[in-house]
N, C-alpha and C. Protein backbone atom coordinates (compact mmCIF):
# COMPACT_ATOMS: atom_id res chain seq x y z
N MET A 1 -17.96 28.40 -10.17
CA MET A 1 -16.96 27.40 -9.78
C MET A 1 -17.38 26.79 -8.44
N LEU A 2 -17.34 25.49 -8.29
CA LEU A 2 -17.71 24.84 -7.04
C LEU A 2 -16.69 25.20 -5.97
N LEU A 3 -17.18 25.52 -4.77
CA LEU A 3 -16.32 26.11 -3.74
C LEU A 3 -15.12 25.23 -3.39
N GLY A 4 -15.38 23.94 -3.08
CA GLY A 4 -14.26 23.06 -2.72
C GLY A 4 -13.27 22.88 -3.85
N HIS A 5 -13.81 22.77 -5.06
CA HIS A 5 -12.96 22.61 -6.24
C HIS A 5 -12.12 23.87 -6.47
N LYS A 6 -12.73 25.02 -6.22
CA LYS A 6 -12.05 26.29 -6.41
C LYS A 6 -10.84 26.38 -5.48
N GLU A 7 -11.03 25.99 -4.22
CA GLU A 7 -9.92 26.04 -3.25
C GLU A 7 -8.79 25.10 -3.66
N ILE A 8 -9.15 23.90 -4.10
CA ILE A 8 -8.13 22.93 -4.52
C ILE A 8 -7.35 23.47 -5.72
N LEU A 9 -8.09 24.04 -6.69
CA LEU A 9 -7.46 24.61 -7.88
C LEU A 9 -6.54 25.77 -7.49
N HIS A 10 -7.03 26.67 -6.65
CA HIS A 10 -6.22 27.82 -6.23
C HIS A 10 -4.94 27.38 -5.52
N ASN A 11 -5.06 26.40 -4.63
CA ASN A 11 -3.87 25.91 -3.93
C ASN A 11 -2.85 25.36 -4.91
N SER A 12 -3.33 24.60 -5.90
CA SER A 12 -2.43 24.00 -6.87
C SER A 12 -1.78 25.07 -7.74
N LEU A 13 -2.56 26.05 -8.19
CA LEU A 13 -2.01 27.14 -9.02
C LEU A 13 -0.98 27.94 -8.25
N SER A 14 -1.25 28.15 -6.97
CA SER A 14 -0.31 28.90 -6.12
C SER A 14 1.01 28.14 -5.98
N GLN A 15 0.92 26.83 -5.75
CA GLN A 15 2.13 26.01 -5.59
C GLN A 15 2.87 25.82 -6.91
N PHE A 16 2.12 25.60 -7.97
CA PHE A 16 2.71 25.26 -9.27
C PHE A 16 3.37 26.46 -9.94
N ALA A 17 2.69 27.62 -9.90
CA ALA A 17 3.19 28.78 -10.66
C ALA A 17 3.21 30.07 -9.85
N GLN A 18 3.06 29.94 -8.52
CA GLN A 18 3.12 31.10 -7.62
C GLN A 18 2.10 32.18 -8.02
N LEU A 19 0.91 31.76 -8.43
CA LEU A 19 -0.14 32.73 -8.75
C LEU A 19 -0.67 33.35 -7.46
N GLY A 20 -0.89 34.66 -7.49
CA GLY A 20 -1.43 35.37 -6.33
C GLY A 20 -2.94 35.51 -6.43
N LYS A 21 -3.54 36.12 -5.41
CA LYS A 21 -5.01 36.25 -5.35
C LYS A 21 -5.55 37.05 -6.53
N GLU A 22 -4.85 38.11 -6.92
CA GLU A 22 -5.32 38.93 -8.03
C GLU A 22 -5.29 38.14 -9.35
N ASP A 23 -4.23 37.34 -9.52
CA ASP A 23 -4.14 36.48 -10.72
C ASP A 23 -5.30 35.49 -10.76
N MET A 24 -5.60 34.89 -9.60
CA MET A 24 -6.71 33.93 -9.52
C MET A 24 -8.03 34.62 -9.88
N ARG A 25 -8.22 35.83 -9.32
CA ARG A 25 -9.47 36.56 -9.53
C ARG A 25 -9.70 36.85 -11.02
N LEU A 26 -8.61 37.17 -11.72
CA LEU A 26 -8.70 37.43 -13.16
C LEU A 26 -9.32 36.26 -13.91
N ALA A 27 -9.02 35.05 -13.45
CA ALA A 27 -9.38 33.85 -14.22
C ALA A 27 -10.56 33.06 -13.64
N ASP A 28 -11.02 33.41 -12.44
CA ASP A 28 -12.03 32.58 -11.78
C ASP A 28 -13.25 32.31 -12.66
N HIS A 29 -13.74 33.31 -13.38
CA HIS A 29 -14.95 33.13 -14.19
C HIS A 29 -14.68 32.29 -15.45
N MET A 30 -13.38 32.03 -15.73
CA MET A 30 -13.02 31.29 -16.94
C MET A 30 -12.94 29.78 -16.72
N TRP A 31 -12.79 29.36 -15.46
CA TRP A 31 -12.70 27.93 -15.15
C TRP A 31 -14.11 27.37 -14.99
N THR A 32 -14.39 26.25 -15.60
CA THR A 32 -15.70 25.60 -15.46
C THR A 32 -15.51 24.16 -15.01
N HIS A 33 -16.55 23.64 -14.38
CA HIS A 33 -16.52 22.27 -13.85
C HIS A 33 -16.90 21.30 -14.96
N ARG A 34 -16.17 20.20 -15.05
CA ARG A 34 -16.48 19.18 -16.06
C ARG A 34 -16.39 17.80 -15.41
N THR A 35 -17.40 16.98 -15.61
CA THR A 35 -17.42 15.61 -15.10
C THR A 35 -17.22 14.66 -16.28
N ILE A 36 -16.32 13.70 -16.11
CA ILE A 36 -16.08 12.70 -17.17
C ILE A 36 -16.18 11.31 -16.53
N GLU A 37 -17.09 10.51 -17.01
CA GLU A 37 -17.28 9.18 -16.44
C GLU A 37 -16.19 8.22 -16.91
N LYS A 38 -16.00 7.17 -16.14
CA LYS A 38 -15.03 6.13 -16.48
C LYS A 38 -15.26 5.66 -17.91
N ASN A 39 -14.16 5.52 -18.66
CA ASN A 39 -14.14 5.08 -20.06
C ASN A 39 -14.63 6.14 -21.05
N GLU A 40 -14.94 7.35 -20.56
CA GLU A 40 -15.25 8.46 -21.44
C GLU A 40 -13.96 9.25 -21.70
N TYR A 41 -14.02 10.24 -22.60
CA TYR A 41 -12.80 10.88 -23.07
C TYR A 41 -12.72 12.37 -22.75
N PHE A 42 -11.52 12.80 -22.36
CA PHE A 42 -11.21 14.22 -22.24
C PHE A 42 -10.91 14.77 -23.63
N ASN A 43 -10.21 13.96 -24.42
CA ASN A 43 -9.88 14.36 -25.79
C ASN A 43 -9.77 13.11 -26.67
N PHE A 44 -10.31 13.21 -27.87
CA PHE A 44 -10.27 12.08 -28.80
C PHE A 44 -9.09 12.21 -29.76
N ARG A 45 -8.60 11.06 -30.23
CA ARG A 45 -7.56 11.07 -31.27
C ARG A 45 -8.09 11.81 -32.49
N ASN A 46 -7.21 12.59 -33.10
CA ASN A 46 -7.53 13.37 -34.31
C ASN A 46 -8.49 14.54 -34.07
N SER A 47 -8.72 14.89 -32.79
CA SER A 47 -9.47 16.11 -32.51
C SER A 47 -8.51 17.12 -31.89
N VAL A 48 -8.87 18.39 -31.95
CA VAL A 48 -8.02 19.45 -31.40
C VAL A 48 -8.29 19.57 -29.90
N CYS A 49 -7.22 19.63 -29.11
CA CYS A 49 -7.35 19.82 -27.66
C CYS A 49 -7.60 21.30 -27.39
N ARG A 50 -8.80 21.63 -26.94
CA ARG A 50 -9.19 23.03 -26.76
C ARG A 50 -9.26 23.46 -25.30
N GLN A 51 -8.91 22.54 -24.38
CA GLN A 51 -8.98 22.87 -22.95
C GLN A 51 -7.77 22.31 -22.21
N ILE A 52 -7.42 22.99 -21.13
CA ILE A 52 -6.53 22.42 -20.12
C ILE A 52 -7.42 22.06 -18.94
N GLY A 53 -7.24 20.86 -18.41
CA GLY A 53 -8.02 20.45 -17.24
C GLY A 53 -7.14 20.33 -16.02
N PHE A 54 -7.72 20.65 -14.88
CA PHE A 54 -7.07 20.35 -13.60
C PHE A 54 -7.91 19.24 -12.96
N ILE A 55 -7.28 18.09 -12.71
CA ILE A 55 -8.03 16.94 -12.21
C ILE A 55 -8.23 17.09 -10.70
N VAL A 56 -9.47 17.29 -10.30
CA VAL A 56 -9.80 17.39 -8.88
C VAL A 56 -9.94 15.99 -8.29
N LYS A 57 -10.52 15.10 -9.09
CA LYS A 57 -10.75 13.72 -8.63
C LYS A 57 -10.69 12.82 -9.86
N GLY A 58 -9.99 11.68 -9.74
CA GLY A 58 -10.00 10.73 -10.85
C GLY A 58 -8.62 10.46 -11.41
N LEU A 59 -8.61 9.74 -12.52
CA LEU A 59 -7.37 9.26 -13.13
C LEU A 59 -7.60 9.10 -14.64
N PHE A 60 -6.60 9.51 -15.43
CA PHE A 60 -6.69 9.41 -16.88
C PHE A 60 -5.48 8.67 -17.44
N ARG A 61 -5.65 8.13 -18.63
CA ARG A 61 -4.51 7.61 -19.37
C ARG A 61 -4.44 8.32 -20.71
N VAL A 62 -3.22 8.61 -21.14
CA VAL A 62 -2.97 9.18 -22.45
C VAL A 62 -2.37 8.05 -23.28
N TYR A 63 -2.96 7.76 -24.44
CA TYR A 63 -2.46 6.63 -25.23
C TYR A 63 -2.64 6.90 -26.72
N TYR A 64 -1.86 6.18 -27.51
CA TYR A 64 -2.08 6.22 -28.96
C TYR A 64 -2.34 4.80 -29.44
N THR A 65 -2.99 4.71 -30.57
CA THR A 65 -3.35 3.41 -31.14
C THR A 65 -2.59 3.20 -32.43
N ASP A 66 -1.87 2.08 -32.51
CA ASP A 66 -1.20 1.70 -33.76
C ASP A 66 -2.29 1.24 -34.72
N LEU A 67 -2.50 2.00 -35.79
CA LEU A 67 -3.63 1.71 -36.68
C LEU A 67 -3.45 0.41 -37.46
N LYS A 68 -2.19 -0.02 -37.65
CA LYS A 68 -1.97 -1.28 -38.37
C LYS A 68 -2.37 -2.48 -37.53
N THR A 69 -2.00 -2.45 -36.25
CA THR A 69 -2.26 -3.60 -35.38
C THR A 69 -3.44 -3.38 -34.44
N GLU A 70 -3.92 -2.12 -34.37
CA GLU A 70 -4.96 -1.71 -33.42
C GLU A 70 -4.54 -1.91 -31.97
N THR A 71 -3.21 -1.94 -31.75
CA THR A 71 -2.68 -2.06 -30.39
C THR A 71 -2.62 -0.68 -29.75
N GLU A 72 -3.06 -0.61 -28.49
CA GLU A 72 -2.99 0.65 -27.75
C GLU A 72 -1.68 0.70 -26.97
N HIS A 73 -1.07 1.87 -26.96
CA HIS A 73 0.19 2.08 -26.24
C HIS A 73 0.00 3.23 -25.26
N ASN A 74 0.03 2.91 -23.96
CA ASN A 74 -0.14 3.95 -22.94
C ASN A 74 1.14 4.77 -22.80
N ILE A 75 0.98 6.08 -22.76
CA ILE A 75 2.13 6.98 -22.66
C ILE A 75 2.26 7.55 -21.26
N TYR A 76 1.13 8.00 -20.70
CA TYR A 76 1.14 8.57 -19.34
C TYR A 76 -0.12 8.14 -18.60
N PHE A 77 0.01 8.11 -17.27
CA PHE A 77 -1.15 8.09 -16.38
C PHE A 77 -1.16 9.43 -15.67
N VAL A 78 -2.33 10.05 -15.59
CA VAL A 78 -2.41 11.40 -15.02
C VAL A 78 -3.44 11.38 -13.89
N PRO A 79 -2.98 11.44 -12.63
CA PRO A 79 -3.89 11.38 -11.48
C PRO A 79 -4.37 12.76 -11.02
N GLU A 80 -5.17 12.76 -9.95
CA GLU A 80 -5.70 14.02 -9.42
C GLU A 80 -4.58 14.97 -8.98
N ASN A 81 -4.96 16.24 -8.88
CA ASN A 81 -4.04 17.33 -8.53
C ASN A 81 -2.96 17.54 -9.59
N THR A 82 -3.30 17.20 -10.83
CA THR A 82 -2.37 17.37 -11.95
C THR A 82 -3.12 18.06 -13.09
N PHE A 83 -2.38 18.84 -13.89
CA PHE A 83 -2.97 19.48 -15.06
C PHE A 83 -2.93 18.51 -16.23
N LEU A 84 -4.03 18.43 -16.96
CA LEU A 84 -4.21 17.46 -18.04
C LEU A 84 -4.40 18.20 -19.36
N VAL A 85 -3.58 17.85 -20.36
CA VAL A 85 -3.68 18.50 -21.66
C VAL A 85 -2.91 17.67 -22.69
N SER A 86 -3.33 17.74 -23.92
CA SER A 86 -2.48 17.27 -25.01
C SER A 86 -1.74 18.51 -25.49
N LEU A 87 -0.53 18.70 -24.98
CA LEU A 87 0.12 20.01 -25.05
C LEU A 87 0.37 20.50 -26.48
N LYS A 88 0.94 19.65 -27.32
CA LYS A 88 1.23 20.08 -28.69
C LYS A 88 -0.05 20.51 -29.41
N SER A 89 -1.09 19.71 -29.27
CA SER A 89 -2.37 20.03 -29.90
C SER A 89 -2.93 21.33 -29.34
N PHE A 90 -2.84 21.50 -28.02
CA PHE A 90 -3.36 22.72 -27.37
C PHE A 90 -2.60 23.96 -27.85
N LEU A 91 -1.26 23.85 -27.91
CA LEU A 91 -0.45 25.01 -28.29
C LEU A 91 -0.62 25.38 -29.76
N THR A 92 -0.71 24.37 -30.62
CA THR A 92 -0.77 24.63 -32.06
C THR A 92 -2.20 24.65 -32.60
N GLN A 93 -3.16 24.19 -31.76
CA GLN A 93 -4.56 24.06 -32.17
C GLN A 93 -4.68 23.23 -33.45
N THR A 94 -3.91 22.12 -33.45
CA THR A 94 -4.00 21.13 -34.53
C THR A 94 -4.42 19.79 -33.92
N ALA A 95 -4.79 18.85 -34.77
CA ALA A 95 -5.32 17.57 -34.29
C ALA A 95 -4.30 16.81 -33.44
N CYS A 96 -4.82 16.17 -32.41
CA CYS A 96 -4.00 15.42 -31.46
C CYS A 96 -3.91 13.96 -31.89
N PRO A 97 -2.71 13.37 -31.91
CA PRO A 97 -2.60 11.96 -32.29
C PRO A 97 -2.97 11.00 -31.16
N TYR A 98 -3.21 11.54 -29.95
CA TYR A 98 -3.46 10.71 -28.77
C TYR A 98 -4.93 10.75 -28.36
N SER A 99 -5.33 9.77 -27.59
CA SER A 99 -6.62 9.78 -26.90
C SER A 99 -6.35 9.95 -25.42
N ILE A 100 -7.24 10.66 -24.73
CA ILE A 100 -7.10 10.85 -23.28
C ILE A 100 -8.40 10.35 -22.65
N GLU A 101 -8.31 9.22 -21.95
CA GLU A 101 -9.49 8.50 -21.45
C GLU A 101 -9.49 8.47 -19.93
N ALA A 102 -10.67 8.62 -19.34
CA ALA A 102 -10.81 8.50 -17.89
C ALA A 102 -10.79 7.02 -17.50
N LEU A 103 -9.93 6.66 -16.55
CA LEU A 103 -9.90 5.30 -16.03
C LEU A 103 -10.78 5.16 -14.79
N GLU A 104 -11.23 6.29 -14.26
CA GLU A 104 -12.15 6.34 -13.13
C GLU A 104 -13.14 7.47 -13.39
N ASP A 105 -14.28 7.46 -12.69
CA ASP A 105 -15.17 8.62 -12.74
C ASP A 105 -14.37 9.83 -12.25
N SER A 106 -14.38 10.90 -13.01
CA SER A 106 -13.45 12.01 -12.75
C SER A 106 -14.16 13.35 -12.77
N GLU A 107 -13.59 14.28 -12.01
CA GLU A 107 -14.06 15.67 -12.00
C GLU A 107 -12.89 16.59 -12.27
N LEU A 108 -13.10 17.56 -13.13
CA LEU A 108 -12.04 18.49 -13.49
C LEU A 108 -12.55 19.92 -13.43
N MET A 109 -11.62 20.85 -13.32
CA MET A 109 -11.87 22.25 -13.61
C MET A 109 -11.13 22.51 -14.92
N VAL A 110 -11.80 23.13 -15.89
CA VAL A 110 -11.18 23.31 -17.21
C VAL A 110 -11.20 24.78 -17.62
N ILE A 111 -10.18 25.14 -18.40
CA ILE A 111 -10.10 26.48 -18.97
C ILE A 111 -9.80 26.33 -20.47
N SER A 112 -10.42 27.17 -21.29
CA SER A 112 -10.26 27.04 -22.73
C SER A 112 -8.95 27.67 -23.21
N HIS A 113 -8.52 27.25 -24.37
CA HIS A 113 -7.34 27.81 -25.02
C HIS A 113 -7.49 29.32 -25.18
N GLU A 114 -8.65 29.73 -25.67
CA GLU A 114 -8.91 31.16 -25.90
C GLU A 114 -8.81 31.96 -24.60
N ASN A 115 -9.42 31.45 -23.53
CA ASN A 115 -9.38 32.17 -22.26
C ASN A 115 -7.98 32.23 -21.67
N LEU A 116 -7.24 31.12 -21.76
CA LEU A 116 -5.88 31.13 -21.22
C LEU A 116 -5.01 32.15 -21.96
N LEU A 117 -5.11 32.17 -23.29
CA LEU A 117 -4.33 33.13 -24.07
C LEU A 117 -4.69 34.57 -23.70
N SER A 118 -5.95 34.80 -23.36
CA SER A 118 -6.37 36.16 -23.00
C SER A 118 -5.76 36.61 -21.67
N LEU A 119 -5.35 35.64 -20.84
CA LEU A 119 -4.75 35.99 -19.54
C LEU A 119 -3.28 36.40 -19.66
N TYR A 120 -2.59 35.88 -20.67
CA TYR A 120 -1.15 36.13 -20.77
C TYR A 120 -0.78 37.61 -20.79
N PRO A 121 -1.46 38.45 -21.62
CA PRO A 121 -1.07 39.87 -21.62
C PRO A 121 -1.45 40.61 -20.34
N GLN A 122 -2.34 40.00 -19.55
CA GLN A 122 -2.81 40.67 -18.33
C GLN A 122 -1.96 40.34 -17.10
N SER A 123 -1.18 39.26 -17.16
CA SER A 123 -0.52 38.77 -15.94
C SER A 123 0.74 37.97 -16.28
N HIS A 124 1.86 38.42 -15.73
CA HIS A 124 3.11 37.65 -15.89
C HIS A 124 3.00 36.29 -15.21
N ALA A 125 2.21 36.22 -14.15
CA ALA A 125 2.06 34.95 -13.43
C ALA A 125 1.37 33.90 -14.32
N TRP A 126 0.39 34.34 -15.11
CA TRP A 126 -0.27 33.39 -16.01
C TRP A 126 0.67 32.99 -17.15
N GLU A 127 1.50 33.91 -17.62
CA GLU A 127 2.54 33.55 -18.59
C GLU A 127 3.46 32.50 -18.00
N ARG A 128 3.82 32.68 -16.73
CA ARG A 128 4.69 31.71 -16.05
C ARG A 128 4.00 30.35 -15.96
N PHE A 129 2.69 30.35 -15.67
CA PHE A 129 1.93 29.10 -15.65
C PHE A 129 2.08 28.36 -16.98
N GLY A 130 1.88 29.09 -18.10
CA GLY A 130 1.99 28.47 -19.42
C GLY A 130 3.38 27.91 -19.68
N ARG A 131 4.40 28.65 -19.28
CA ARG A 131 5.77 28.19 -19.48
C ARG A 131 6.07 26.95 -18.63
N LEU A 132 5.66 26.99 -17.36
CA LEU A 132 5.93 25.86 -16.47
C LEU A 132 5.18 24.61 -16.91
N LEU A 133 3.96 24.78 -17.41
CA LEU A 133 3.20 23.63 -17.90
C LEU A 133 3.91 23.00 -19.10
N ALA A 134 4.38 23.85 -20.02
CA ALA A 134 5.11 23.34 -21.20
C ALA A 134 6.38 22.62 -20.76
N GLU A 135 7.11 23.21 -19.79
CA GLU A 135 8.35 22.57 -19.30
C GLU A 135 8.05 21.23 -18.65
N GLN A 136 6.96 21.18 -17.86
CA GLN A 136 6.60 19.93 -17.17
C GLN A 136 6.31 18.82 -18.17
N TYR A 137 5.53 19.14 -19.21
CA TYR A 137 5.19 18.12 -20.20
C TYR A 137 6.41 17.73 -21.04
N TYR A 138 7.31 18.67 -21.27
CA TYR A 138 8.54 18.33 -21.99
C TYR A 138 9.38 17.35 -21.17
N VAL A 139 9.49 17.62 -19.87
CA VAL A 139 10.27 16.72 -18.99
C VAL A 139 9.62 15.34 -18.93
N TYR A 140 8.28 15.28 -18.83
CA TYR A 140 7.57 13.99 -18.87
C TYR A 140 7.98 13.21 -20.12
N SER A 141 7.88 13.89 -21.27
CA SER A 141 8.16 13.22 -22.55
C SER A 141 9.60 12.73 -22.62
N GLN A 142 10.53 13.60 -22.23
CA GLN A 142 11.95 13.26 -22.28
C GLN A 142 12.26 12.08 -21.35
N THR A 143 11.70 12.14 -20.14
CA THR A 143 11.95 11.08 -19.15
C THR A 143 11.41 9.75 -19.65
N LYS A 144 10.21 9.77 -20.24
CA LYS A 144 9.62 8.52 -20.76
C LYS A 144 10.47 7.96 -21.90
N ALA A 145 10.89 8.83 -22.82
CA ALA A 145 11.70 8.39 -23.96
C ALA A 145 13.04 7.82 -23.48
N GLU A 146 13.68 8.52 -22.55
CA GLU A 146 14.97 8.04 -22.03
C GLU A 146 14.82 6.72 -21.30
N GLY A 147 13.72 6.57 -20.56
CA GLY A 147 13.48 5.32 -19.83
C GLY A 147 13.35 4.14 -20.78
N LEU A 148 12.63 4.33 -21.87
CA LEU A 148 12.45 3.25 -22.84
C LEU A 148 13.78 2.87 -23.49
N LEU A 149 14.66 3.86 -23.67
CA LEU A 149 15.95 3.61 -24.32
C LEU A 149 16.99 3.01 -23.38
N SER A 150 16.98 3.45 -22.11
CA SER A 150 18.12 3.13 -21.26
C SER A 150 17.82 2.28 -20.03
N GLN A 151 16.53 2.06 -19.72
CA GLN A 151 16.20 1.31 -18.52
C GLN A 151 15.62 -0.06 -18.87
N SER A 152 15.82 -1.01 -17.97
CA SER A 152 15.16 -2.31 -18.12
C SER A 152 13.68 -2.12 -17.77
N ALA A 153 12.86 -3.10 -18.15
CA ALA A 153 11.43 -3.03 -17.84
C ALA A 153 11.22 -2.96 -16.33
N GLU A 154 12.04 -3.70 -15.57
CA GLU A 154 11.91 -3.67 -14.10
C GLU A 154 12.22 -2.28 -13.56
N ASP A 155 13.28 -1.64 -14.09
CA ASP A 155 13.62 -0.28 -13.64
C ASP A 155 12.50 0.70 -13.99
N ARG A 156 11.90 0.53 -15.16
CA ARG A 156 10.79 1.41 -15.55
C ARG A 156 9.60 1.22 -14.61
N TYR A 157 9.37 -0.05 -14.21
CA TYR A 157 8.26 -0.33 -13.29
C TYR A 157 8.53 0.29 -11.92
N VAL A 158 9.76 0.17 -11.45
CA VAL A 158 10.13 0.78 -10.15
C VAL A 158 9.95 2.29 -10.22
N SER A 159 10.36 2.90 -11.33
CA SER A 159 10.19 4.35 -11.50
C SER A 159 8.72 4.74 -11.46
N LEU A 160 7.88 3.94 -12.13
CA LEU A 160 6.45 4.22 -12.13
C LEU A 160 5.88 4.11 -10.72
N LEU A 161 6.28 3.08 -9.97
CA LEU A 161 5.78 2.92 -8.60
C LEU A 161 6.25 4.06 -7.70
N THR A 162 7.46 4.56 -7.94
CA THR A 162 7.98 5.67 -7.15
C THR A 162 7.18 6.94 -7.43
N GLU A 163 6.90 7.15 -8.70
CA GLU A 163 6.19 8.35 -9.13
C GLU A 163 4.70 8.27 -8.78
N PHE A 164 4.13 7.08 -8.84
CA PHE A 164 2.69 6.89 -8.69
C PHE A 164 2.46 5.59 -7.89
N PRO A 165 2.66 5.64 -6.55
CA PRO A 165 2.63 4.42 -5.73
C PRO A 165 1.32 3.63 -5.80
N GLU A 166 0.20 4.30 -6.07
CA GLU A 166 -1.10 3.62 -6.07
C GLU A 166 -1.42 2.97 -7.41
N VAL A 167 -0.49 3.04 -8.37
CA VAL A 167 -0.82 2.61 -9.73
C VAL A 167 -1.33 1.17 -9.78
N ALA A 168 -0.73 0.28 -9.01
CA ALA A 168 -1.12 -1.13 -9.06
C ALA A 168 -2.56 -1.35 -8.57
N ASN A 169 -3.04 -0.45 -7.70
CA ASN A 169 -4.40 -0.58 -7.18
C ASN A 169 -5.44 0.13 -8.06
N ARG A 170 -4.99 1.03 -8.93
CA ARG A 170 -5.93 1.87 -9.66
C ARG A 170 -5.92 1.64 -11.18
N VAL A 171 -4.89 0.96 -11.68
CA VAL A 171 -4.75 0.77 -13.12
C VAL A 171 -4.62 -0.73 -13.40
N SER A 172 -5.31 -1.22 -14.42
CA SER A 172 -5.23 -2.65 -14.74
C SER A 172 -3.80 -3.01 -15.13
N LEU A 173 -3.44 -4.27 -14.87
CA LEU A 173 -2.08 -4.72 -15.20
C LEU A 173 -1.83 -4.64 -16.71
N GLY A 174 -2.87 -4.82 -17.50
CA GLY A 174 -2.72 -4.69 -18.96
C GLY A 174 -2.29 -3.28 -19.34
N HIS A 175 -2.90 -2.28 -18.71
CA HIS A 175 -2.54 -0.88 -18.98
C HIS A 175 -1.12 -0.58 -18.50
N VAL A 176 -0.76 -1.13 -17.35
CA VAL A 176 0.59 -0.91 -16.82
C VAL A 176 1.62 -1.54 -17.76
N ALA A 177 1.37 -2.76 -18.20
CA ALA A 177 2.30 -3.44 -19.11
C ALA A 177 2.46 -2.63 -20.40
N SER A 178 1.35 -2.11 -20.93
CA SER A 178 1.40 -1.29 -22.14
C SER A 178 2.26 -0.05 -21.90
N TYR A 179 2.10 0.59 -20.75
CA TYR A 179 2.90 1.78 -20.41
C TYR A 179 4.40 1.43 -20.38
N LEU A 180 4.72 0.25 -19.86
CA LEU A 180 6.13 -0.17 -19.74
C LEU A 180 6.70 -0.68 -21.06
N GLY A 181 5.83 -0.91 -22.04
CA GLY A 181 6.29 -1.41 -23.33
C GLY A 181 6.58 -2.91 -23.32
N ILE A 182 5.86 -3.65 -22.46
CA ILE A 182 6.07 -5.10 -22.35
C ILE A 182 4.71 -5.81 -22.40
N LYS A 183 4.74 -7.14 -22.42
CA LYS A 183 3.52 -7.94 -22.40
C LYS A 183 3.15 -8.28 -20.96
N GLY A 184 1.87 -8.62 -20.76
CA GLY A 184 1.35 -8.93 -19.42
C GLY A 184 2.15 -9.99 -18.67
N PRO A 185 2.52 -11.13 -19.30
CA PRO A 185 3.28 -12.15 -18.57
C PRO A 185 4.63 -11.63 -18.06
N SER A 186 5.26 -10.74 -18.83
CA SER A 186 6.54 -10.17 -18.38
C SER A 186 6.34 -9.32 -17.13
N LEU A 187 5.25 -8.57 -17.09
CA LEU A 187 4.97 -7.75 -15.92
C LEU A 187 4.68 -8.65 -14.71
N SER A 188 3.94 -9.73 -14.91
CA SER A 188 3.65 -10.66 -13.80
C SER A 188 4.95 -11.23 -13.24
N ARG A 189 5.90 -11.55 -14.16
CA ARG A 189 7.20 -12.09 -13.72
C ARG A 189 7.97 -11.04 -12.91
N ILE A 190 7.98 -9.80 -13.38
CA ILE A 190 8.67 -8.71 -12.67
C ILE A 190 8.06 -8.52 -11.29
N ARG A 191 6.73 -8.52 -11.22
CA ARG A 191 6.05 -8.33 -9.92
C ARG A 191 6.37 -9.46 -8.97
N ALA A 192 6.42 -10.69 -9.49
CA ALA A 192 6.73 -11.86 -8.65
C ALA A 192 8.18 -11.77 -8.13
N GLN A 193 9.10 -11.38 -9.02
CA GLN A 193 10.51 -11.25 -8.60
C GLN A 193 10.66 -10.18 -7.51
N MET A 194 9.95 -9.05 -7.70
CA MET A 194 10.05 -7.96 -6.72
C MET A 194 9.45 -8.38 -5.38
N ALA A 195 8.35 -9.15 -5.44
CA ALA A 195 7.72 -9.61 -4.20
C ALA A 195 8.62 -10.59 -3.44
N GLY A 196 9.46 -11.33 -4.22
CA GLY A 196 10.34 -12.32 -3.61
C GLY A 196 11.61 -11.74 -3.01
N LYS A 197 11.89 -10.46 -3.32
CA LYS A 197 13.14 -9.84 -2.83
C LYS A 197 13.02 -9.43 -1.37
């Protein structure tokens, strides 16, 4: 494990799931470094997600493609210091309906499904990590679904900026509009209105 990456990962695991030094030591040999270039994929649609990644550097988008129209619909943006996974596919080891693409040159630390499962019987802290990760992704999904149902496009954009302030500088407006469920001109209008306030 690369030294700087190891420290960043350990700090995040400690904050996220209160893992102690012994818990970290159990898993250190299981985490490996993975580099993914811009426009390359962490996971392809219809493939099984076999790893959880911790993003040390970079940014990803999770999206699905409407096969009838070939339109891409962005679901999440996942920046550094965040765990990246297609959770349902990872948990069930079945094919994932989403694609996970790097929007920037990215570096991750990754652990396999098999290795993570082997940690659960050895450590309650690693079990807690698995539970908290599942809860986090459930909340993401619920929040996104509720936003689409109950918020205006402008409110969804404000929520995105609050959650991810750098999004406008790091993600194309086309990708942002797709995430919000609107067309590019509507997003331009929202941005102009907000700038005028």
